[in-house]
Structure formats: C-alpha cells, structure tokens
Amino acid sequence: MTVATIARASGICRSRFQIYVPILAVASLLLGNLASAAGTPAGTVIDNIAEVTFDLNGTTATQQSNVASITVEERIDVVVTLQSGQVLVAANDANRSLLFSVTNTGNGSETFSLAIDSILAGDDFDPVPAVPAIYFDTDLSGDFSAGDVAYDPGTNDPNMAADESVDILLVNDIPSTALNGQIGRSELSVAAGTGSGAPGDSFAGQGDGGVDAVLGSSGGLAVQFGEYLVSDVQMSIVKSVLVNDQFGNQDPIPGATLTYTATVEVTTGAATGAAFRDVVPTGTTYSANSILLNGGALSDAVDADLGELDTSGAPTVVVRLGDLSQADGIQTIIFQVTID
C-alpha cells in the first residue's frame, strides 16, 4: 500500500496537505469498554413482586402480590463506522481498501449480511470492486493484505454477540480515467439476517431463545461510505506505540508511559505545507516537552520552532513539516503520554 497508517485515520487535501493521525481507539483498547450499547440481554426474565405491610394487633404482617413477569425481547440494531480517512490513490491502482467497523448494537446475537456499492452519487468517478471485494480484516492491520479472509455471502456471514464488532475492508481498483484531485466513493451496507424494515417491526419467535425480535432505531440496516482521493502526491504514515510502566515492565496500566512514534514519508510528488496533528488520546495525559522531530526537541509553546501542544480544543500535538518530497526522506515524530 502506498499509504499505511496504523492509526487508521488521515485527512489530506489536494494542494496543501495536513496529516491527521488521531488515536481514536486507544482509550477503549487500554481501559476497556466502559459502556455497553446492547442493554439487557434478550431472553432475560424480569420478575417483580409488590408487598404491603400493615399492623395486625401489634404484629407486622406482610401481604405479597402475584409475580409480574416479562421476558426481554431481542432488539435488532447495527452500526457501521468508517475507520479510514480519505485514501490517497493514483489512476490504475489495484486493491485499494477502505476500513469499516461493524458493531452489533442490539441486545442479542445476530447474523449480518454484507454488500458493497461503488456506483454512488456525489463523487467524481466510480471505483471498480475487486473480485472478491469484501474482506474481514483478519490480521487487524487496517489495510488489505494476504492474511485477510474474503467474505463469502451465506457462508461466513458474521455472527456477532451483543456489542461485538468486526472490521471489514472494501477493496476496489481505481480506473485509469480517474484524474488528479477527483474523489471516488464506495459504500458498505450491513443487514440483519433476521430481517430489516421500519423501527418497531417485529419477528415472532426469531430472537435469542425463541423470544420475539424487534427492529431498533437502525431498522436492522446500516450503510456508510468511504472515499478515495486521486493524488499526484503519495505518502506513507506509520504509527507505533511503546509501553513502559513504573515498575520496569511493559504493561499498559495507570501511570505507565506511552511513547508514540510516527513516521511520515512522501513516496511520490511533493506535499506543500505538510502539518502533522495527533490528538492526545482520551484517558491519558500528555507528557510536557516530550515532542521530538527527527531527534530534535520541540517546545510545547507556540514559538519559533516547528511544533507545539495545541490546547485550543482537545490537546493536540502539532508539528509543521513544511514542503516535503521523496528527497526529504522519512520524518520521525515522537511524543509521550501517561495513562491516567
């Protein structure tokens, strides 16, 4: 791939480039999933008994009601989230991938079918789906690679428990007619195997354990598209993290230091006014004056050097790389945070 990003997100415009490498998933990876979207599991029996106490000749008596019992039905819901930013491509590129995350946000297990559509309104050209065109990101690399398993409709449809997610790649070829600066879109649609339709529609006896299944707000169907940007500038962005805890080990526990290293390399063309931006991950605190560019220290303040910590919004490490071409080689940015 000409553009690789472990952080799975970068944003690039046509003539003046800004490189965004937000670490969107670090908090959940390090600290765990703090909130459950699924709710009470399907098939859960909820019993309720009321009681009345009263005085009976100096003795407290209690009278209970009958048991009011219900069984929680299955809610079918699904969310598709685009994980990759605009993917830079060139005309005639083959097997260029877009990364999506599919999450079962219902309260029971569900099987989902997947489909691709690369003929969409609002773009400049139509990417051409590869054969096959949908893959599971089996090796969790975020890019299409030999280790990824192809999706075969009806054979390996993802069956997910409540709150479970799976990463999906849409793989397309870029037509030879695509021009510099043009955008092409490709869309992933995900449908619940039980059925889809209007929120509130129900399917008798088709939920977990034979309970009824009811469509949630998604209607059992979710769609999301990603974009390819044809560019005469191609670059590689790679992110890694090293963990050092306060006990001399490499365990990501509160108090441990995370050292992030990002490398940026222009492989084709010239990027004008390149700027690196990396949002400090939620659940961590930036380590003061830890920014390095190619081994040289940069201050956190806005001053004459090329970097700073931008605190106007979410704390963000900023390094202005300037005009870059292949001749400039690899630019290495390092900074540190501490897990709260």
Protein backbone atom coordinates (compact mmCIF):
# COMPACT_ATOMS: atom_id res chain seq x y z
CA MET A 1 0.00 0.00 0.00
CA THR A 2 1.26 3.48 -0.73
CA VAL A 3 -0.48 4.92 2.29
CA ALA A 4 -0.21 2.91 5.50
CA THR A 5 -1.49 4.17 8.81
CA ILE A 6 -1.66 2.13 11.96
CA ALA A 7 -3.75 4.88 13.48
CA ARG A 8 -6.24 4.27 10.60
CA ALA A 9 -7.05 7.90 10.02
CA SER A 10 -5.56 10.69 7.99
CA GLY A 11 -7.04 13.68 6.19
CA ILE A 12 -5.38 15.17 3.12
CA CYS A 13 -6.46 17.96 0.78
CA ARG A 14 -5.36 18.40 -2.80
CA SER A 15 -2.71 21.11 -2.81
CA ARG A 16 -1.93 21.92 0.81
CA PHE A 17 -1.64 18.88 2.99
CA GLN A 18 -2.49 18.34 6.64
CA ILE A 19 -1.78 14.95 8.16
CA TYR A 20 -4.13 13.90 10.94
CA VAL A 21 -3.31 10.82 12.99
CA PRO A 22 -5.86 10.75 15.85
CA ILE A 23 -5.70 7.69 18.07
CA LEU A 24 -9.43 7.06 18.13
CA ALA A 25 -9.49 3.69 19.84
CA VAL A 26 -6.70 3.83 22.43
CA ALA A 27 -8.94 4.54 25.40
CA SER A 28 -11.12 1.51 24.72
CA LEU A 29 -8.13 -0.70 23.93
CA LEU A 30 -6.24 0.20 27.08
CA LEU A 31 -9.00 0.92 29.54
CA GLY A 32 -11.70 -1.46 28.36
CA ASN A 33 -15.17 -0.91 27.08
CA LEU A 34 -16.72 1.44 29.62
CA ALA A 35 -20.25 1.41 28.28
CA SER A 36 -22.48 -1.31 26.88
CA ALA A 37 -24.69 -0.36 23.97
CA ALA A 38 -26.70 -3.58 23.94
CA GLY A 39 -28.74 -3.21 27.15
CA THR A 40 -30.38 -6.10 28.97
CA PRO A 41 -29.74 -9.38 27.13
CA ALA A 42 -32.56 -10.88 25.11
CA GLY A 43 -34.34 -13.67 26.96
CA THR A 44 -33.74 -12.15 30.39
CA VAL A 45 -36.72 -12.74 32.66
CA ILE A 46 -37.69 -9.71 34.74
CA ASP A 47 -39.80 -10.61 37.79
CA ASN A 48 -41.45 -8.11 40.08
CA ILE A 49 -43.36 -8.64 43.33
CA ALA A 50 -45.05 -5.93 45.37
CA GLU A 51 -45.82 -6.16 49.06
CA VAL A 52 -47.88 -4.33 51.62
CA THR A 53 -47.03 -4.34 55.31
CA PHE A 54 -49.58 -3.48 57.97
CA ASP A 55 -50.09 -3.74 61.69
CA LEU A 56 -52.19 -6.66 62.89
CA ASN A 57 -52.85 -6.43 66.62
CA GLY A 58 -49.29 -5.30 67.29
CA THR A 59 -47.68 -7.66 64.81
CA THR A 60 -46.35 -6.52 61.46
CA ALA A 61 -47.98 -8.51 58.70
CA THR A 62 -46.90 -8.65 55.09
CA GLN A 63 -49.03 -9.41 52.07
CA GLN A 64 -47.33 -10.03 48.69
CA SER A 65 -48.74 -9.62 45.22
CA ASN A 66 -48.54 -12.16 42.48
CA VAL A 67 -45.35 -12.25 40.38
CA ALA A 68 -45.46 -9.90 37.41
CA SER A 69 -43.08 -11.48 34.91
CA ILE A 70 -41.86 -10.42 31.49
CA THR A 71 -39.18 -11.75 29.17
CA VAL A 72 -36.97 -9.20 27.42
CA GLU A 73 -37.31 -9.43 23.67
CA GLU A 74 -34.40 -9.10 21.27
CA ARG A 75 -33.74 -5.66 19.79
CA ILE A 76 -32.02 -5.77 16.40
CA ASP A 77 -29.64 -2.86 15.78
CA VAL A 78 -26.40 -2.35 13.89
CA VAL A 79 -23.94 0.50 13.36
CA VAL A 80 -21.30 0.85 10.62
CA THR A 81 -18.42 3.25 11.28
CA LEU A 82 -15.82 4.38 8.75
CA GLN A 83 -12.37 3.87 10.27
CA SER A 84 -10.13 5.06 7.45
CA GLY A 85 -9.89 8.65 6.30
CA GLN A 86 -9.72 9.66 2.65
CA VAL A 87 -7.40 7.13 0.99
CA LEU A 88 -4.90 8.64 -1.44
CA VAL A 89 -4.70 6.71 -4.69
CA ALA A 90 -3.43 7.00 -8.25
CA ALA A 91 -5.10 6.10 -11.53
CA ASN A 92 -4.76 2.35 -12.25
CA ASP A 93 -4.10 1.48 -8.59
CA ALA A 94 -5.28 -2.02 -7.71
CA ASN A 95 -6.67 -3.47 -4.47
CA ARG A 96 -7.05 -0.22 -2.56
CA SER A 97 -9.00 -0.68 0.64
CA LEU A 98 -11.38 1.25 2.89
CA LEU A 99 -11.75 0.15 6.52
CA PHE A 100 -15.08 -0.04 8.36
CA SER A 101 -16.14 -1.30 11.78
CA VAL A 102 -19.47 -3.12 12.10
CA THR A 103 -20.98 -3.29 15.60
CA ASN A 104 -23.98 -5.27 16.78
CA THR A 105 -25.68 -2.68 18.98
CA GLY A 106 -28.68 -4.89 19.68
CA ASN A 107 -29.14 -6.93 22.85
CA GLY A 108 -28.83 -10.39 21.32
CA SER A 109 -26.71 -12.35 18.89
CA GLU A 110 -27.35 -11.65 15.22
CA THR A 111 -26.03 -12.71 11.84
CA PHE A 112 -25.43 -9.95 9.30
CA SER A 113 -25.04 -9.92 5.53
CA LEU A 114 -22.61 -7.53 3.82
CA ALA A 115 -22.75 -5.78 0.44
CA ILE A 116 -20.66 -3.26 -1.50
CA ASP A 117 -21.82 -0.46 -3.79
CA SER A 118 -19.24 1.61 -5.66
CA ILE A 119 -21.64 3.40 -8.01
CA LEU A 120 -22.75 6.30 -5.84
CA ALA A 121 -23.98 9.82 -6.45
CA GLY A 122 -21.93 12.82 -5.40
CA ASP A 123 -18.44 11.68 -6.41
CA ASP A 124 -16.26 12.17 -9.48
CA PHE A 125 -15.52 8.60 -10.52
CA ASP A 126 -16.68 5.06 -9.72
CA PRO A 127 -14.13 2.74 -8.11
CA VAL A 128 -14.23 -0.79 -9.51
CA PRO A 129 -14.85 -3.51 -6.88
CA ALA A 130 -12.21 -6.21 -6.82
CA VAL A 131 -13.24 -9.87 -7.04
CA PRO A 132 -13.92 -10.58 -4.24
CA ALA A 133 -14.41 -7.06 -2.92
CA ILE A 134 -15.25 -7.55 0.78
CA TYR A 135 -12.77 -8.90 3.31
CA PHE A 136 -12.54 -9.36 7.05
CA ASP A 137 -9.50 -7.51 8.42
CA THR A 138 -8.29 -10.79 9.84
CA ASP A 139 -4.79 -9.62 10.73
CA LEU A 140 -6.08 -6.31 12.18
CA SER A 141 -3.60 -4.36 10.07
CA GLY A 142 -6.17 -1.83 8.87
CA ASP A 143 -5.11 -2.44 5.25
CA PHE A 144 -5.83 -5.15 2.72
CA SER A 145 -3.18 -7.86 2.94
CA ALA A 146 -2.63 -11.53 2.19
CA GLY A 147 -3.77 -12.58 5.66
CA ASP A 148 -7.29 -11.19 5.25
CA VAL A 149 -10.21 -13.58 4.68
CA ALA A 150 -12.66 -12.93 1.85
CA TYR A 151 -16.35 -12.60 2.66
CA ASP A 152 -18.50 -15.27 1.02
CA PRO A 153 -22.21 -14.34 1.27
CA GLY A 154 -24.24 -17.03 3.00
CA THR A 155 -21.11 -18.94 4.02
CA ASN A 156 -19.24 -16.80 6.52
CA ASP A 157 -21.74 -14.05 7.31
CA PRO A 158 -20.52 -12.51 10.58
CA ASN A 159 -22.48 -13.75 13.60
CA MET A 160 -21.93 -11.34 16.46
CA ALA A 161 -22.93 -11.27 20.09
CA ALA A 162 -24.38 -8.09 21.56
CA ASP A 163 -21.80 -5.27 21.48
CA GLU A 164 -19.38 -7.33 19.39
CA SER A 165 -17.60 -5.64 16.46
CA VAL A 166 -15.81 -6.82 13.35
CA ASP A 167 -13.54 -4.87 10.98
CA ILE A 168 -14.43 -5.02 7.30
CA LEU A 169 -12.41 -3.96 4.25
CA LEU A 170 -13.92 -2.85 0.94
CA VAL A 171 -11.36 -3.42 -1.82
CA ASN A 172 -11.55 -1.52 -5.11
CA ASP A 173 -9.43 -0.84 -8.17
CA ILE A 174 -9.01 2.75 -9.38
CA PRO A 175 -9.92 3.28 -13.05
CA SER A 176 -7.32 4.62 -15.48
CA THR A 177 -9.60 7.56 -16.26
CA ALA A 178 -9.51 8.95 -12.71
CA LEU A 179 -7.89 12.40 -12.62
CA ASN A 180 -5.80 14.18 -10.02
CA GLY A 181 -8.00 15.71 -7.31
CA GLN A 182 -11.05 13.57 -8.09
CA ILE A 183 -12.95 11.66 -5.41
CA GLY A 184 -14.50 8.20 -5.73
CA ARG A 185 -16.81 6.62 -3.15
CA SER A 186 -17.51 3.05 -2.10
CA GLU A 187 -20.25 2.03 0.33
CA LEU A 188 -20.67 -0.85 2.79
CA SER A 189 -24.21 -1.92 3.68
CA VAL A 190 -24.94 -4.31 6.53
CA ALA A 191 -28.31 -6.02 7.00
CA ALA A 192 -29.54 -8.18 9.88
CA GLY A 193 -30.21 -11.77 8.86
CA THR A 194 -33.42 -11.85 10.88
CA GLY A 195 -34.78 -9.02 8.77
CA SER A 196 -34.84 -5.27 8.27
CA GLY A 197 -37.56 -2.67 7.89
CA ALA A 198 -39.16 0.07 9.94
CA PRO A 199 -38.10 0.55 13.57
CA GLY A 200 -40.56 -1.29 15.76
CA ASP A 201 -41.32 -4.04 13.25
CA SER A 202 -41.22 -7.42 14.98
CA PHE A 203 -40.39 -11.01 14.04
CA ALA A 204 -42.27 -13.53 16.17
CA GLY A 205 -40.09 -16.14 17.84
CA GLN A 206 -36.94 -15.23 15.92
CA GLY A 207 -34.93 -13.71 18.77
CA ASP A 208 -32.44 -15.46 21.06
CA GLY A 209 -34.08 -18.33 22.93
CA GLY A 210 -37.23 -18.07 20.84
CA VAL A 211 -38.32 -14.64 22.06
CA ASP A 212 -39.69 -12.11 19.60
CA ALA A 213 -37.20 -9.88 17.78
CA VAL A 214 -37.97 -6.18 17.31
CA LEU A 215 -36.14 -3.79 14.98
CA GLY A 216 -34.40 -0.92 16.77
CA SER A 217 -33.67 2.58 15.50
CA SER A 218 -31.43 1.32 12.68
CA GLY A 219 -34.21 -0.81 11.25
CA GLY A 220 -31.69 -3.68 11.09
CA LEU A 221 -29.81 -1.97 8.25
CA ALA A 222 -26.77 0.34 8.29
CA VAL A 223 -24.79 1.89 5.43
CA GLN A 224 -21.64 4.01 5.29
CA PHE A 225 -19.30 5.09 2.51
CA GLY A 226 -15.62 5.92 2.35
CA GLU A 227 -13.67 7.98 -0.17
CA TYR A 228 -10.66 7.61 -2.44
CA LEU A 229 -8.81 10.79 -3.44
CA VAL A 230 -6.72 10.70 -6.60
CA SER A 231 -3.46 12.48 -5.82
CA ASP A 232 -0.15 13.02 -7.52
CA VAL A 233 1.30 13.04 -4.01
CA GLN A 234 1.63 9.68 -2.28
CA MET A 235 2.88 9.30 1.26
CA SER A 236 3.32 6.66 3.93
CA ILE A 237 2.22 7.36 7.51
CA VAL A 238 3.01 4.68 10.11
CA LYS A 239 2.25 4.88 13.85
CA SER A 240 3.56 2.70 16.67
CA VAL A 241 3.46 2.78 20.47
CA LEU A 242 5.90 1.56 23.14
CA VAL A 243 4.69 0.95 26.71
CA ASN A 244 6.89 1.39 29.79
CA ASP A 245 5.24 1.11 33.20
CA GLN A 246 6.52 2.47 36.51
CA PHE A 247 7.72 -0.99 37.59
CA GLY A 248 10.08 -1.51 34.69
CA ASN A 249 7.68 -3.67 32.68
CA GLN A 250 5.64 -3.12 29.52
CA ASP A 251 2.15 -3.29 30.99
CA PRO A 252 -0.36 -0.58 29.94
CA ILE A 253 -1.56 0.22 33.47
CA PRO A 254 -2.43 3.61 35.03
CA GLY A 255 0.80 5.53 35.45
CA ALA A 256 2.54 3.81 32.54
CA THR A 257 4.22 5.93 29.86
CA LEU A 258 3.23 5.51 26.23
CA THR A 259 5.81 6.61 23.68
CA TYR A 260 4.24 7.23 20.28
CA THR A 261 6.39 7.22 17.15
CA ALA A 262 5.03 8.34 13.79
CA THR A 263 6.95 8.27 10.52
CA VAL A 264 5.91 10.32 7.50
CA GLU A 265 7.45 9.76 4.08
CA VAL A 266 6.48 11.21 0.72
CA THR A 267 6.96 8.49 -1.88
CA THR A 268 5.67 10.33 -4.95
CA GLY A 269 5.31 14.01 -5.78
CA ALA A 270 5.64 16.98 -3.42
CA ALA A 271 3.41 17.81 -0.44
CA THR A 272 3.13 21.54 0.19
CA GLY A 273 2.79 22.86 3.73
CA ALA A 274 2.52 19.43 5.39
CA ALA A 275 1.43 19.58 9.04
CA PHE A 276 1.27 16.65 11.46
CA ARG A 277 -1.52 16.68 14.07
CA ASP A 278 -2.14 13.98 16.67
CA VAL A 279 -4.88 14.29 19.29
CA VAL A 280 -3.74 13.19 22.76
CA PRO A 281 -5.75 10.00 23.47
CA THR A 282 -8.64 10.11 25.91
CA GLY A 283 -7.66 8.53 29.23
CA THR A 284 -4.08 9.81 29.02
CA THR A 285 -2.18 12.98 29.92
CA TYR A 286 0.42 14.50 27.63
CA SER A 287 4.00 14.46 28.99
CA ALA A 288 5.27 18.05 28.92
CA ASN A 289 8.03 18.92 26.43
CA SER A 290 8.22 15.40 25.00
CA ILE A 291 7.87 16.26 21.29
CA LEU A 292 10.80 15.26 19.09
CA LEU A 293 11.19 15.79 15.34
CA ASN A 294 13.96 13.71 13.78
CA GLY A 295 15.62 13.51 17.20
CA GLY A 296 15.45 17.25 17.91
CA ALA A 297 13.38 18.58 20.81
CA LEU A 298 10.45 20.89 20.14
CA SER A 299 8.84 23.05 22.81
CA ASP A 300 5.16 22.87 23.74
CA ALA A 301 4.73 26.62 23.26
CA VAL A 302 3.80 28.41 20.05
CA ASP A 303 7.20 29.88 19.17
CA ALA A 304 9.89 29.83 16.52
CA ASP A 305 10.34 26.05 16.39
CA LEU A 306 8.22 23.72 14.28
CA GLY A 307 5.99 22.20 16.95
CA GLU A 308 3.68 22.83 19.87
CA LEU A 309 0.91 21.39 22.00
CA ASP A 310 -2.32 22.96 20.76
CA THR A 311 -4.71 23.34 23.71
CA SER A 312 -7.37 25.43 21.96
CA GLY A 313 -9.54 22.29 21.89
CA ALA A 314 -8.65 18.71 22.70
CA PRO A 315 -4.89 18.69 23.44
CA THR A 316 -3.15 18.02 20.13
CA VAL A 317 0.49 17.54 19.20
CA VAL A 318 1.31 19.70 16.17
CA VAL A 319 4.46 19.51 14.05
CA ARG A 320 4.80 21.64 10.91
CA LEU A 321 6.77 19.55 8.43
CA GLY A 322 6.75 22.12 5.63
CA ASP A 323 7.21 21.21 1.99
CA LEU A 324 8.12 17.53 1.61
CA SER A 325 9.24 15.40 -1.31
CA GLN A 326 10.81 11.99 -1.64
CA ALA A 327 14.24 13.61 -1.34
CA ASP A 328 13.46 14.69 2.24
CA GLY A 329 13.25 11.07 3.38
CA ILE A 330 11.45 9.84 6.48
CA GLN A 331 10.27 12.40 9.03
CA THR A 332 10.03 10.92 12.53
CA ILE A 333 7.81 12.46 15.23
CA ILE A 334 7.88 11.18 18.81
CA PHE A 335 5.90 12.23 21.86
CA GLN A 336 4.82 10.72 25.18
CA VAL A 337 1.69 10.47 27.31
CA THR A 338 0.88 8.86 30.66
CA ILE A 339 -2.13 6.61 31.24
CA ASP A 340 -4.40 8.28 33.79
